[in-house]
């Protein structure tokens, strides 16, 4: 499992993020405080405080390089 920090501070960014993560056949969890949300659930994402950075847990080791490359526009640097 790999965890990275991402930012989803606009509606368009959330929509494109969900579209991108659903192309992968692995589980993604968004963690904000005590809440853990399925990252493929657009309704779940909108229940989070999107003004803050969010931890993303990637439950895969197989194609982690491809996943991280897809996540580049969302990563907090």
PDB file of N, CA and C in Angstrom:
ATOM      1  N   UNK A   1       0.835  -1.177   0.000  1.00  0.00           N
ATOM      2  CA  UNK A   1       0.000   0.000   0.000  1.00  0.00           C
ATOM      3  C   UNK A   1       0.884   1.246   0.000  1.00  0.00           C
ATOM      4  N   UNK A   2       0.510   2.207  -0.810  1.00  0.00           N
ATOM      5  CA  UNK A   2       1.222   3.472  -0.909  1.00  0.00           C
ATOM      6  C   UNK A   2       0.264   4.598  -0.558  1.00  0.00           C
ATOM      7  N   UNK A   3       0.750   5.610   0.169  1.00  0.00           N
ATOM      8  CA  UNK A   3      -0.082   6.761   0.528  1.00  0.00           C
ATOM      9  C   UNK A   3       0.584   8.036   0.026  1.00  0.00           C
ATOM     10  N   UNK A   4      -0.220   8.896  -0.629  1.00  0.00           N
ATOM     11  CA  UNK A   4       0.259  10.185  -1.114  1.00  0.00           C
ATOM     12  C   UNK A   4      -0.747  11.261  -0.719  1.00  0.00           C
ATOM     13  N   UNK A   5      -0.305  12.515  -0.713  1.00  0.00           N
ATOM     14  CA  UNK A   5      -1.201  13.642  -0.439  1.00  0.00           C
ATOM     15  C   UNK A   5      -1.654  14.234  -1.758  1.00  0.00           C
ATOM     16  N   UNK A   6      -2.983  14.480  -1.870  1.00  0.00           N
ATOM     17  CA  UNK A   6      -3.533  15.077  -3.078  1.00  0.00           C
ATOM     18  C   UNK A   6      -4.398  16.272  -2.714  1.00  0.00           C
ATOM     19  N   UNK A   7      -4.681  17.075  -3.721  1.00  0.00           N
ATOM     20  CA  UNK A   7      -5.560  18.230  -3.564  1.00  0.00           C
ATOM     21  C   UNK A   7      -6.666  18.140  -4.612  1.00  0.00           C
ATOM     22  N   UNK A   8      -7.907  18.220  -4.163  1.00  0.00           N
ATOM     23  CA  UNK A   8      -9.070  18.192  -5.057  1.00  0.00           C
ATOM     24  C   UNK A   8      -9.903  19.434  -4.755  1.00  0.00           C
ATOM     25  N   UNK A   9      -9.386  20.603  -5.145  1.00  0.00           N
ATOM     26  CA  UNK A   9      -9.990  21.861  -4.719  1.00  0.00           C
ATOM     27  C   UNK A   9     -10.965  22.478  -5.718  1.00  0.00           C
ATOM     28  N   UNK A  10     -11.411  21.714  -6.711  1.00  0.00           N
ATOM     29  CA  UNK A  10     -12.434  22.223  -7.629  1.00  0.00           C
ATOM     30  C   UNK A  10     -13.312  21.064  -8.105  1.00  0.00           C
ATOM     31  N   UNK A  11     -14.505  21.397  -8.539  1.00  0.00           N
ATOM     32  CA  UNK A  11     -15.444  20.374  -9.014  1.00  0.00           C
ATOM     33  C   UNK A  11     -14.878  19.652 -10.231  1.00  0.00           C
ATOM     34  N   UNK A  12     -14.282  20.395 -11.154  1.00  0.00           N
ATOM     35  CA  UNK A  12     -13.706  19.774 -12.349  1.00  0.00           C
ATOM     36  C   UNK A  12     -12.576  18.817 -11.995  1.00  0.00           C
ATOM     37  N   UNK A  13     -11.778  19.192 -10.990  1.00  0.00           N
ATOM     38  CA  UNK A  13     -10.678  18.333 -10.564  1.00  0.00           C
ATOM     39  C   UNK A  13     -11.211  17.039  -9.956  1.00  0.00           C
ATOM     40  N   UNK A  14     -12.289  17.128  -9.199  1.00  0.00           N
ATOM     41  CA  UNK A  14     -12.896  15.927  -8.606  1.00  0.00           C
ATOM     42  C   UNK A  14     -13.424  15.010  -9.703  1.00  0.00           C
ATOM     43  N   UNK A  15     -14.131  15.582 -10.677  1.00  0.00           N
ATOM     44  CA  UNK A  15     -14.684  14.764 -11.764  1.00  0.00           C
ATOM     45  C   UNK A  15     -13.587  14.068 -12.556  1.00  0.00           C
ATOM     46  N   UNK A  16     -12.517  14.784 -12.890  1.00  0.00           N
ATOM     47  CA  UNK A  16     -11.440  14.165 -13.663  1.00  0.00           C
ATOM     48  C   UNK A  16     -10.683  13.138 -12.806  1.00  0.00           C
ATOM     49  N   UNK A  17     -10.542  13.393 -11.501  1.00  0.00           N
ATOM     50  CA  UNK A  17      -9.882  12.438 -10.603  1.00  0.00           C
ATOM     51  C   UNK A  17     -10.650  11.118 -10.565  1.00  0.00           C
ATOM     52  N   UNK A  18     -11.969  11.181 -10.377  1.00  0.00           N
ATOM     53  CA  UNK A  18     -12.782   9.962 -10.320  1.00  0.00           C
ATOM     54  C   UNK A  18     -12.716   9.220 -11.650  1.00  0.00           C
ATOM     55  N   UNK A  19     -12.762   9.957 -12.752  1.00  0.00           N
ATOM     56  CA  UNK A  19     -12.655   9.330 -14.078  1.00  0.00           C
ATOM     57  C   UNK A  19     -11.310   8.621 -14.218  1.00  0.00           C
ATOM     58  N   UNK A  20     -10.245   9.235 -13.738  1.00  0.00           N
ATOM     59  CA  UNK A  20      -8.904   8.644 -13.843  1.00  0.00           C
ATOM     60  C   UNK A  20      -8.736   7.404 -12.964  1.00  0.00           C
ATOM     61  N   UNK A  21      -9.166   7.474 -11.697  1.00  0.00           N
ATOM     62  CA  UNK A  21      -8.938   6.332 -10.800  1.00  0.00           C
ATOM     63  C   UNK A  21      -9.810   5.130 -11.163  1.00  0.00           C
ATOM     64  N   UNK A  22     -10.957   5.362 -11.786  1.00  0.00           N
ATOM     65  CA  UNK A  22     -11.802   4.220 -12.149  1.00  0.00           C
ATOM     66  C   UNK A  22     -11.218   3.409 -13.298  1.00  0.00           C
ATOM     67  N   UNK A  23     -10.200   3.928 -13.987  1.00  0.00           N
ATOM     68  CA  UNK A  23      -9.565   3.165 -15.065  1.00  0.00           C
ATOM     69  C   UNK A  23      -8.641   2.073 -14.520  1.00  0.00           C
ATOM     70  N   UNK A  24      -8.311   2.143 -13.225  1.00  0.00           N
ATOM     71  CA  UNK A  24      -7.423   1.152 -12.610  1.00  0.00           C
ATOM     72  C   UNK A  24      -8.243   0.133 -11.832  1.00  0.00           C
ATOM     73  N   UNK A  25      -7.793  -1.126 -11.888  1.00  0.00           N
ATOM     74  CA  UNK A  25      -8.499  -2.213 -11.227  1.00  0.00           C
ATOM     75  C   UNK A  25      -7.879  -2.485  -9.851  1.00  0.00           C
ATOM     76  N   UNK A  26      -7.833  -1.449  -9.021  1.00  0.00           N
ATOM     77  CA  UNK A  26      -7.375  -1.605  -7.654  1.00  0.00           C
ATOM     78  C   UNK A  26      -8.176  -0.642  -6.779  1.00  0.00           C
ATOM     79  N   UNK A  27      -8.030  -0.780  -5.474  1.00  0.00           N
ATOM     80  CA  UNK A  27      -8.791   0.059  -4.552  1.00  0.00           C
ATOM     81  C   UNK A  27      -8.010   1.307  -4.182  1.00  0.00           C
ATOM     82  N   UNK A  28      -8.743   2.415  -4.059  1.00  0.00           N
ATOM     83  CA  UNK A  28      -8.198   3.690  -3.624  1.00  0.00           C
ATOM     84  C   UNK A  28      -9.073   4.190  -2.479  1.00  0.00           C
ATOM     85  N   UNK A  29      -8.458   4.638  -1.387  1.00  0.00           N
ATOM     86  CA  UNK A  29      -9.197   5.221  -0.267  1.00  0.00           C
ATOM     87  C   UNK A  29      -8.709   6.635  -0.033  1.00  0.00           C
ATOM     88  N   UNK A  30      -9.652   7.558   0.183  1.00  0.00           N
ATOM     89  CA  UNK A  30      -9.320   8.917   0.579  1.00  0.00           C
ATOM     90  C   UNK A  30      -9.505   9.026   2.084  1.00  0.00           C
ATOM     91  N   UNK A  31      -8.511   9.585   2.764  1.00  0.00           N
ATOM     92  CA  UNK A  31      -8.539   9.687   4.219  1.00  0.00           C
ATOM     93  C   UNK A  31      -8.434  11.155   4.600  1.00  0.00           C
ATOM     94  N   UNK A  32      -9.467  11.633   5.268  1.00  0.00           N
ATOM     95  CA  UNK A  32      -9.505  13.019   5.734  1.00  0.00           C
ATOM     96  C   UNK A  32      -9.947  13.001   7.189  1.00  0.00           C
ATOM     97  N   UNK A  33      -8.998  13.230   8.098  1.00  0.00           N
ATOM     98  CA  UNK A  33      -9.314  13.136   9.522  1.00  0.00           C
ATOM     99  C   UNK A  33      -9.697  11.712   9.880  1.00  0.00           C
ATOM    100  N   UNK A  34     -10.899  11.538  10.428  1.00  0.00           N
ATOM    101  CA  UNK A  34     -11.344  10.194  10.805  1.00  0.00           C
ATOM    102  C   UNK A  34     -12.205   9.533   9.744  1.00  0.00           C
ATOM    103  N   UNK A  35     -12.381  10.198   8.611  1.00  0.00           N
ATOM    104  CA  UNK A  35     -13.216   9.665   7.541  1.00  0.00           C
ATOM    105  C   UNK A  35     -12.377   8.939   6.485  1.00  0.00           C
ATOM    106  N   UNK A  36     -12.856   7.779   6.065  1.00  0.00           N
ATOM    107  CA  UNK A  36     -12.230   7.024   4.985  1.00  0.00           C
ATOM    108  C   UNK A  36     -13.294   6.800   3.923  1.00  0.00           C
ATOM    109  N   UNK A  37     -13.018   7.287   2.711  1.00  0.00           N
ATOM    110  CA  UNK A  37     -13.994   7.271   1.623  1.00  0.00           C
ATOM    111  C   UNK A  37     -13.400   6.512   0.438  1.00  0.00           C
ATOM    112  N   UNK A  38     -14.232   5.755  -0.263  1.00  0.00           N
ATOM    113  CA  UNK A  38     -13.820   5.107  -1.510  1.00  0.00           C
ATOM    114  C   UNK A  38     -13.553   6.216  -2.539  1.00  0.00           C
ATOM    115  N   UNK A  39     -12.341   6.263  -3.075  1.00  0.00           N
ATOM    116  CA  UNK A  39     -11.954   7.331  -3.993  1.00  0.00           C
ATOM    117  C   UNK A  39     -12.671   7.242  -5.337  1.00  0.00           C
ATOM    118  N   UNK A  40     -13.343   6.140  -5.607  1.00  0.00           N
ATOM    119  CA  UNK A  40     -14.090   6.012  -6.858  1.00  0.00           C
ATOM    120  C   UNK A  40     -15.536   6.485  -6.706  1.00  0.00           C
ATOM    121  N   UNK A  41     -15.892   6.979  -5.526  1.00  0.00           N
ATOM    122  CA  UNK A  41     -17.241   7.459  -5.237  1.00  0.00           C
ATOM    123  C   UNK A  41     -17.271   8.982  -5.259  1.00  0.00           C
ATOM    124  N   UNK A  42     -17.848   9.549  -6.297  1.00  0.00           N
ATOM    125  CA  UNK A  42     -17.882  11.008  -6.413  1.00  0.00           C
ATOM    126  C   UNK A  42     -18.724  11.622  -5.294  1.00  0.00           C
ATOM    127  N   UNK A  43     -19.794  10.959  -4.901  1.00  0.00           N
ATOM    128  CA  UNK A  43     -20.626  11.478  -3.799  1.00  0.00           C
ATOM    129  C   UNK A  43     -19.854  11.434  -2.480  1.00  0.00           C
ATOM    130  N   UNK A  44     -19.087  10.387  -2.277  1.00  0.00           N
ATOM    131  CA  UNK A  44     -18.275  10.299  -1.070  1.00  0.00           C
ATOM    132  C   UNK A  44     -17.234  11.396  -1.006  1.00  0.00           C
ATOM    133  N   UNK A  45     -16.608  11.698  -2.128  1.00  0.00           N
ATOM    134  CA  UNK A  45     -15.582  12.746  -2.166  1.00  0.00           C
ATOM    135  C   UNK A  45     -16.188  14.089  -1.810  1.00  0.00           C
ATOM    136  N   UNK A  46     -17.383  14.371  -2.311  1.00  0.00           N
ATOM    137  CA  UNK A  46     -18.011  15.658  -2.018  1.00  0.00           C
ATOM    138  C   UNK A  46     -18.460  15.772  -0.562  1.00  0.00           C
ATOM    139  N   UNK A  47     -18.425  14.669   0.202  1.00  0.00           N
ATOM    140  CA  UNK A  47     -18.751  14.744   1.621  1.00  0.00           C
ATOM    141  C   UNK A  47     -17.533  15.161   2.456  1.00  0.00           C
ATOM    142  N   UNK A  48     -16.362  15.235   1.832  1.00  0.00           N
ATOM    143  CA  UNK A  48     -15.132  15.619   2.531  1.00  0.00           C
ATOM    144  C   UNK A  48     -14.914  17.128   2.465  1.00  0.00           C
ATOM    145  N   UNK A  49     -14.034  17.620   3.330  1.00  0.00           N
ATOM    146  CA  UNK A  49     -13.615  19.025   3.294  1.00  0.00           C
ATOM    147  C   UNK A  49     -12.528  19.149   2.227  1.00  0.00           C
ATOM    148  N   UNK A  50     -12.915  19.624   1.047  1.00  0.00           N
ATOM    149  CA  UNK A  50     -11.990  19.678  -0.088  1.00  0.00           C
ATOM    150  C   UNK A  50     -11.072  20.896  -0.064  1.00  0.00           C
ATOM    151  N   UNK A  51     -11.217  21.753   0.943  1.00  0.00           N
ATOM    152  CA  UNK A  51     -10.315  22.903   1.045  1.00  0.00           C
ATOM    153  C   UNK A  51      -8.960  22.495   1.631  1.00  0.00           C
ATOM    154  N   UNK A  52      -8.884  21.278   2.175  1.00  0.00           N
ATOM    155  CA  UNK A  52      -7.640  20.774   2.761  1.00  0.00           C
ATOM    156  C   UNK A  52      -7.071  19.659   1.886  1.00  0.00           C
ATOM    157  N   UNK A  53      -5.775  19.398   2.061  1.00  0.00           N
ATOM    158  CA  UNK A  53      -5.146  18.264   1.377  1.00  0.00           C
ATOM    159  C   UNK A  53      -5.704  16.965   1.948  1.00  0.00           C
ATOM    160  N   UNK A  54      -5.766  15.934   1.094  1.00  0.00           N
ATOM    161  CA  UNK A  54      -6.356  14.653   1.469  1.00  0.00           C
ATOM    162  C   UNK A  54      -5.319  13.558   1.234  1.00  0.00           C
ATOM    163  N   UNK A  55      -5.260  12.589   2.144  1.00  0.00           N
ATOM    164  CA  UNK A  55      -4.387  11.427   1.958  1.00  0.00           C
ATOM    165  C   UNK A  55      -5.091  10.418   1.061  1.00  0.00           C
ATOM    166  N   UNK A  56      -4.359   9.904   0.081  1.00  0.00           N
ATOM    167  CA  UNK A  56      -4.878   8.879  -0.825  1.00  0.00           C
ATOM    168  C   UNK A  56      -4.075   7.607  -0.621  1.00  0.00           C
ATOM    169  N   UNK A  57      -4.752   6.537  -0.213  1.00  0.00           N
ATOM    170  CA  UNK A  57      -4.110   5.225  -0.070  1.00  0.00           C
ATOM    171  C   UNK A  57      -4.381   4.412  -1.318  1.00  0.00           C
ATOM    172  N   UNK A  58      -3.311   3.900  -1.908  1.00  0.00           N
ATOM    173  CA  UNK A  58      -3.400   3.095  -3.130  1.00  0.00           C
ATOM    174  C   UNK A  58      -3.130   1.648  -2.726  1.00  0.00           C
ATOM    175  N   UNK A  59      -4.120   0.782  -2.904  1.00  0.00           N
ATOM    176  CA  UNK A  59      -4.012  -0.615  -2.489  1.00  0.00           C
ATOM    177  C   UNK A  59      -3.575  -1.479  -3.671  1.00  0.00           C
ATOM    178  N   UNK A  60      -2.361  -1.221  -4.141  1.00  0.00           N
ATOM    179  CA  UNK A  60      -1.809  -1.994  -5.250  1.00  0.00           C
ATOM    180  C   UNK A  60      -0.305  -1.827  -5.258  1.00  0.00           C
ATOM    181  N   UNK A  61       0.375  -2.854  -5.666  1.00  0.00           N
ATOM    182  CA  UNK A  61       1.824  -2.775  -5.841  1.00  0.00           C
ATOM    183  C   UNK A  61       2.197  -3.132  -7.276  1.00  0.00           C
ATOM    184  N   UNK A  62       1.240  -3.645  -8.029  1.00  0.00           N
ATOM    185  CA  UNK A  62       1.517  -4.144  -9.375  1.00  0.00           C
ATOM    186  C   UNK A  62       1.930  -3.041 -10.342  1.00  0.00           C
ATOM    187  N   UNK A  63       1.084  -2.059 -10.546  1.00  0.00           N
ATOM    188  CA  UNK A  63       1.354  -1.015 -11.535  1.00  0.00           C
ATOM    189  C   UNK A  63       1.411   0.361 -10.868  1.00  0.00           C
ATOM    190  N   UNK A  64       2.145   0.435  -9.760  1.00  0.00           N
ATOM    191  CA  UNK A  64       2.202   1.662  -8.964  1.00  0.00           C
ATOM    192  C   UNK A  64       2.796   2.825  -9.752  1.00  0.00           C
ATOM    193  N   UNK A  65       3.741   2.549 -10.652  1.00  0.00           N
ATOM    194  CA  UNK A  65       4.333   3.630 -11.446  1.00  0.00           C
ATOM    195  C   UNK A  65       3.282   4.282 -12.341  1.00  0.00           C
ATOM    196  N   UNK A  66       2.437   3.480 -12.967  1.00  0.00           N
ATOM    197  CA  UNK A  66       1.376   4.016 -13.833  1.00  0.00           C
ATOM    198  C   UNK A  66       0.358   4.806 -13.019  1.00  0.00           C
ATOM    199  N   UNK A  67       0.047   4.323 -11.831  1.00  0.00           N
ATOM    200  CA  UNK A  67      -0.910   5.026 -10.970  1.00  0.00           C
ATOM    201  C   UNK A  67      -0.340   6.377 -10.546  1.00  0.00           C
ATOM    202  N   UNK A  68       0.918   6.399 -10.120  1.00  0.00           N
ATOM    203  CA  UNK A  68       1.531   7.660  -9.682  1.00  0.00           C
ATOM    204  C   UNK A  68       1.651   8.656 -10.830  1.00  0.00           C
ATOM    205  N   UNK A  69       1.911   8.173 -12.036  1.00  0.00           N
ATOM    206  CA  UNK A  69       1.979   9.066 -13.193  1.00  0.00           C
ATOM    207  C   UNK A  69       0.606   9.680 -13.460  1.00  0.00           C
ATOM    208  N   UNK A  70      -0.462   8.893 -13.349  1.00  0.00           N
ATOM    209  CA  UNK A  70      -1.815   9.396 -13.548  1.00  0.00           C
ATOM    210  C   UNK A  70      -2.179  10.421 -12.474  1.00  0.00           C
ATOM    211  N   UNK A  71      -1.633  10.259 -11.263  1.00  0.00           N
ATOM    212  CA  UNK A  71      -1.964  11.137 -10.149  1.00  0.00           C
ATOM    213  C   UNK A  71      -1.205  12.459 -10.147  1.00  0.00           C
ATOM    214  N   UNK A  72      -0.229  12.632 -11.013  1.00  0.00           N
ATOM    215  CA  UNK A  72       0.616  13.830 -10.996  1.00  0.00           C
ATOM    216  C   UNK A  72      -0.154  15.156 -10.926  1.00  0.00           C
ATOM    217  N   UNK A  73      -1.244  15.346 -11.695  1.00  0.00           N
ATOM    218  CA  UNK A  73      -1.948  16.637 -11.601  1.00  0.00           C
ATOM    219  C   UNK A  73      -2.601  16.915 -10.244  1.00  0.00           C
ATOM    220  N   UNK A  74      -2.767  15.876  -9.435  1.00  0.00           N
ATOM    221  CA  UNK A  74      -3.467  16.024  -8.149  1.00  0.00           C
ATOM    222  C   UNK A  74      -2.532  16.039  -6.948  1.00  0.00           C
ATOM    223  N   UNK A  75      -1.277  15.631  -7.140  1.00  0.00           N
ATOM    224  CA  UNK A  75      -0.342  15.501  -6.021  1.00  0.00           C
ATOM    225  C   UNK A  75       0.019  16.858  -5.431  1.00  0.00           C
ATOM    226  N   UNK A  76       0.161  16.866  -4.103  1.00  0.00           N
ATOM    227  CA  UNK A  76       0.630  18.056  -3.388  1.00  0.00           C
ATOM    228  C   UNK A  76       2.138  17.944  -3.320  1.00  0.00           C
ATOM    229  N   UNK A  77       2.821  18.966  -3.780  1.00  0.00           N
ATOM    230  CA  UNK A  77       4.292  18.913  -3.809  1.00  0.00           C
ATOM    231  C   UNK A  77       4.903  19.690  -2.681  1.00  0.00           C
TER     232      UNK A  77
END
